[in-house]
Amino acid sequence: MTDRIEKIFTKFANEEEEALNKMGMTKTEFIENAKKWSETEDGKLEIQKFILTQEISSLKKQIIEIEENIVKKENSIKEIEIELSNL
């Protein structure tokens, strides 16, 4: 395995530690397993699929958080507009 691939696995494991923990896997276990899986073509593809799936899940969570934040700010604006109309 190249250093570049190992860096990708390590970066992913660091960024997605919480997701790995939910799956009952430590960062070290993921990296070691990924090294083994990357020895075959289908394993490489499965790892890529797994990483992309986790990244998509993480992005969806971020989008939900952003949307919730937008709603809160919009509600604050509405409250301010009501106060302004009462002045």
N, C-alpha and C. Protein backbone atom coordinates (compact mmCIF):
# COMPACT_ATOMS: atom_id res chain seq x y z
N MET A 1 0.85 -1.17 0.00
CA MET A 1 0.00 0.00 0.00
C MET A 1 0.89 1.23 0.00
N THR A 2 0.47 2.21 -0.76
CA THR A 2 1.28 3.42 -0.84
C THR A 2 1.02 4.32 0.37
N ASP A 3 1.98 5.19 0.61
CA ASP A 3 1.83 6.15 1.70
C ASP A 3 0.61 7.04 1.48
N ARG A 4 0.35 7.36 0.21
CA ARG A 4 -0.79 8.22 -0.12
C ARG A 4 -2.10 7.57 0.32
N ILE A 5 -2.27 6.30 0.04
CA ILE A 5 -3.50 5.59 0.41
C ILE A 5 -3.60 5.51 1.93
N GLU A 6 -2.49 5.22 2.59
CA GLU A 6 -2.51 5.15 4.05
C GLU A 6 -2.90 6.51 4.65
N LYS A 7 -2.40 7.59 4.05
CA LYS A 7 -2.76 8.93 4.52
C LYS A 7 -4.26 9.17 4.36
N ILE A 8 -4.83 8.69 3.25
CA ILE A 8 -6.27 8.83 3.01
C ILE A 8 -7.05 8.09 4.09
N PHE A 9 -6.64 6.86 4.40
CA PHE A 9 -7.32 6.07 5.42
C PHE A 9 -7.21 6.75 6.79
N THR A 10 -6.02 7.25 7.09
CA THR A 10 -5.78 7.90 8.38
C THR A 10 -6.60 9.17 8.50
N LYS A 11 -6.62 9.96 7.44
CA LYS A 11 -7.40 11.21 7.43
C LYS A 11 -8.88 10.89 7.64
N PHE A 12 -9.37 9.90 6.92
CA PHE A 12 -10.77 9.51 7.06
C PHE A 12 -11.05 9.05 8.49
N ALA A 13 -10.19 8.20 9.01
CA ALA A 13 -10.38 7.66 10.37
C ALA A 13 -10.40 8.79 11.40
N ASN A 14 -9.55 9.78 11.22
CA ASN A 14 -9.51 10.91 12.15
C ASN A 14 -10.79 11.75 12.06
N GLU A 15 -11.26 11.96 10.83
CA GLU A 15 -12.44 12.80 10.63
C GLU A 15 -13.73 12.08 11.02
N GLU A 16 -13.75 10.78 10.88
CA GLU A 16 -14.97 10.01 11.10
C GLU A 16 -14.86 9.08 12.31
N GLU A 17 -14.08 9.49 13.29
CA GLU A 17 -13.87 8.64 14.47
C GLU A 17 -15.19 8.28 15.15
N GLU A 18 -16.10 9.24 15.23
CA GLU A 18 -17.39 8.98 15.87
C GLU A 18 -18.18 7.91 15.11
N ALA A 19 -18.18 8.00 13.78
CA ALA A 19 -18.90 7.01 12.98
C ALA A 19 -18.26 5.63 13.13
N LEU A 20 -16.95 5.59 13.18
CA LEU A 20 -16.25 4.31 13.36
C LEU A 20 -16.58 3.72 14.73
N ASN A 21 -16.63 4.57 15.75
CA ASN A 21 -16.97 4.10 17.09
C ASN A 21 -18.36 3.50 17.12
N LYS A 22 -19.31 4.13 16.40
CA LYS A 22 -20.67 3.61 16.34
C LYS A 22 -20.72 2.24 15.69
N MET A 23 -19.76 1.98 14.82
CA MET A 23 -19.68 0.68 14.15
C MET A 23 -18.83 -0.30 14.95
N GLY A 24 -18.37 0.14 16.12
CA GLY A 24 -17.56 -0.73 16.97
C GLY A 24 -16.14 -0.91 16.47
N MET A 25 -15.62 0.11 15.82
CA MET A 25 -14.28 0.01 15.24
C MET A 25 -13.45 1.21 15.68
N THR A 26 -12.21 0.95 16.09
CA THR A 26 -11.31 2.05 16.43
C THR A 26 -10.65 2.57 15.15
N LYS A 27 -10.01 3.73 15.27
CA LYS A 27 -9.30 4.27 14.12
C LYS A 27 -8.22 3.29 13.66
N THR A 28 -7.49 2.75 14.61
CA THR A 28 -6.40 1.82 14.27
C THR A 28 -6.94 0.57 13.58
N GLU A 29 -8.04 0.04 14.11
CA GLU A 29 -8.65 -1.15 13.49
C GLU A 29 -9.08 -0.85 12.05
N PHE A 30 -9.70 0.32 11.85
CA PHE A 30 -10.13 0.68 10.50
C PHE A 30 -8.93 0.75 9.56
N ILE A 31 -7.89 1.42 10.00
CA ILE A 31 -6.71 1.58 9.14
C ILE A 31 -6.09 0.23 8.81
N GLU A 32 -5.97 -0.64 9.81
CA GLU A 32 -5.40 -1.97 9.57
C GLU A 32 -6.28 -2.78 8.62
N ASN A 33 -7.60 -2.73 8.86
CA ASN A 33 -8.52 -3.46 7.97
C ASN A 33 -8.48 -2.90 6.56
N ALA A 34 -8.43 -1.58 6.45
CA ALA A 34 -8.39 -0.95 5.14
C ALA A 34 -7.13 -1.36 4.37
N LYS A 35 -6.02 -1.48 5.09
CA LYS A 35 -4.79 -1.93 4.44
C LYS A 35 -4.98 -3.33 3.86
N LYS A 36 -5.60 -4.21 4.63
CA LYS A 36 -5.84 -5.58 4.16
C LYS A 36 -6.80 -5.59 2.98
N TRP A 37 -7.89 -4.82 3.11
CA TRP A 37 -8.89 -4.79 2.04
C TRP A 37 -8.32 -4.22 0.75
N SER A 38 -7.39 -3.29 0.88
CA SER A 38 -6.86 -2.62 -0.30
C SER A 38 -5.92 -3.50 -1.12
N GLU A 39 -5.69 -4.70 -0.63
CA GLU A 39 -4.80 -5.61 -1.37
C GLU A 39 -5.50 -6.24 -2.57
N THR A 40 -6.82 -6.17 -2.63
CA THR A 40 -7.56 -6.71 -3.77
C THR A 40 -8.32 -5.60 -4.46
N GLU A 41 -8.63 -5.81 -5.75
CA GLU A 41 -9.36 -4.79 -6.51
C GLU A 41 -10.76 -4.56 -5.93
N ASP A 42 -11.47 -5.65 -5.62
CA ASP A 42 -12.82 -5.47 -5.09
C ASP A 42 -12.77 -4.83 -3.70
N GLY A 43 -11.73 -5.15 -2.95
CA GLY A 43 -11.56 -4.54 -1.64
C GLY A 43 -11.34 -3.04 -1.75
N LYS A 44 -10.52 -2.64 -2.72
CA LYS A 44 -10.27 -1.21 -2.94
C LYS A 44 -11.57 -0.48 -3.25
N LEU A 45 -12.38 -1.10 -4.12
CA LEU A 45 -13.64 -0.48 -4.50
C LEU A 45 -14.60 -0.41 -3.32
N GLU A 46 -14.62 -1.47 -2.51
CA GLU A 46 -15.50 -1.47 -1.33
C GLU A 46 -15.08 -0.40 -0.33
N ILE A 47 -13.78 -0.20 -0.17
CA ILE A 47 -13.29 0.85 0.74
C ILE A 47 -13.70 2.22 0.21
N GLN A 48 -13.52 2.43 -1.08
CA GLN A 48 -13.91 3.72 -1.68
C GLN A 48 -15.40 3.96 -1.47
N LYS A 49 -16.19 2.92 -1.71
CA LYS A 49 -17.64 3.02 -1.53
C LYS A 49 -17.98 3.36 -0.08
N PHE A 50 -17.34 2.67 0.85
CA PHE A 50 -17.58 2.89 2.27
C PHE A 50 -17.24 4.33 2.67
N ILE A 51 -16.07 4.78 2.26
CA ILE A 51 -15.63 6.13 2.61
C ILE A 51 -16.59 7.17 2.01
N LEU A 52 -16.96 7.00 0.76
CA LEU A 52 -17.88 7.96 0.13
C LEU A 52 -19.24 7.96 0.82
N THR A 53 -19.72 6.79 1.20
CA THR A 53 -21.00 6.68 1.90
C THR A 53 -20.94 7.42 3.23
N GLN A 54 -19.85 7.25 3.97
CA GLN A 54 -19.70 7.92 5.25
C GLN A 54 -19.58 9.44 5.07
N GLU A 55 -18.87 9.86 4.03
CA GLU A 55 -18.71 11.29 3.77
C GLU A 55 -20.07 11.91 3.41
N ILE A 56 -20.87 11.20 2.62
CA ILE A 56 -22.21 11.68 2.26
C ILE A 56 -23.06 11.82 3.51
N SER A 57 -23.01 10.82 4.38
CA SER A 57 -23.77 10.86 5.62
C SER A 57 -23.36 12.06 6.47
N SER A 58 -22.08 12.29 6.56
CA SER A 58 -21.57 13.43 7.33
C SER A 58 -22.04 14.75 6.73
N LEU A 59 -22.01 14.86 5.41
CA LEU A 59 -22.46 16.08 4.75
C LEU A 59 -23.95 16.31 4.97
N LYS A 60 -24.74 15.25 4.94
CA LYS A 60 -26.18 15.37 5.17
C LYS A 60 -26.44 15.88 6.58
N LYS A 61 -25.68 15.39 7.55
CA LYS A 61 -25.84 15.87 8.93
C LYS A 61 -25.50 17.35 9.02
N GLN A 62 -24.44 17.76 8.33
CA GLN A 62 -24.05 19.17 8.34
C GLN A 62 -25.13 20.04 7.70
N ILE A 63 -25.74 19.55 6.63
CA ILE A 63 -26.81 20.29 5.95
C ILE A 63 -27.99 20.47 6.89
N ILE A 64 -28.36 19.40 7.61
CA ILE A 64 -29.47 19.49 8.56
C ILE A 64 -29.17 20.53 9.63
N GLU A 65 -27.95 20.51 10.15
CA GLU A 65 -27.57 21.50 11.17
C GLU A 65 -27.64 22.92 10.62
N ILE A 66 -27.19 23.10 9.40
CA ILE A 66 -27.23 24.43 8.78
C ILE A 66 -28.68 24.88 8.58
N GLU A 67 -29.52 23.96 8.10
CA GLU A 67 -30.93 24.29 7.88
C GLU A 67 -31.61 24.66 9.20
N GLU A 68 -31.30 23.93 10.27
CA GLU A 68 -31.87 24.25 11.59
C GLU A 68 -31.40 25.63 12.05
N ASN A 69 -30.15 25.94 11.79
CA ASN A 69 -29.61 27.25 12.17
C ASN A 69 -30.31 28.36 11.38
N ILE A 70 -30.57 28.12 10.11
CA ILE A 70 -31.26 29.11 9.28
C ILE A 70 -32.66 29.36 9.83
N VAL A 71 -33.37 28.30 10.18
CA VAL A 71 -34.72 28.44 10.73
C VAL A 71 -34.69 29.26 12.01
N LYS A 72 -33.75 29.01 12.88
CA LYS A 72 -33.63 29.78 14.12
C LYS A 72 -33.42 31.26 13.83
N LYS A 73 -32.55 31.55 12.89
CA LYS A 73 -32.26 32.94 12.55
C LYS A 73 -33.47 33.61 11.90
N GLU A 74 -34.19 32.86 11.06
CA GLU A 74 -35.40 33.40 10.45
C GLU A 74 -36.46 33.70 11.52
N ASN A 75 -36.57 32.82 12.50
CA ASN A 75 -37.51 33.06 13.60
C ASN A 75 -37.11 34.29 14.40
N SER A 76 -35.83 34.48 14.60
CA SER A 76 -35.35 35.67 15.30
C SER A 76 -35.71 36.93 14.52
N ILE A 77 -35.56 36.87 13.22
CA ILE A 77 -35.91 38.02 12.38
C ILE A 77 -37.40 38.32 12.51
N LYS A 78 -38.23 37.28 12.50
CA LYS A 78 -39.68 37.47 12.64
C LYS A 78 -40.01 38.13 13.98
N GLU A 79 -39.34 37.69 15.04
CA GLU A 79 -39.56 38.28 16.37
C GLU A 79 -39.16 39.75 16.37
N ILE A 80 -38.07 40.07 15.72
CA ILE A 80 -37.62 41.46 15.65
C ILE A 80 -38.62 42.29 14.86
N GLU A 81 -39.13 41.74 13.78
CA GLU A 81 -40.11 42.46 12.95
C GLU A 81 -41.38 42.73 13.77
N ILE A 82 -41.78 41.77 14.59
CA ILE A 82 -42.97 41.97 15.43
C ILE A 82 -42.71 43.09 16.44
N GLU A 83 -41.54 43.07 17.05
CA GLU A 83 -41.19 44.14 17.99
C GLU A 83 -41.16 45.50 17.31
N LEU A 84 -40.59 45.53 16.10
CA LEU A 84 -40.53 46.80 15.36
C LEU A 84 -41.93 47.31 15.02
N SER A 85 -42.81 46.41 14.69
CA SER A 85 -44.17 46.84 14.32
C SER A 85 -44.94 47.36 15.54
N ASN A 86 -44.54 46.92 16.72
CA ASN A 86 -45.19 47.38 17.94
C ASN A 86 -44.67 48.73 18.42
N LEU A 87 -43.61 49.20 17.85
CA LEU A 87 -43.03 50.49 18.28
C LEU A 87 -43.76 51.66 17.67
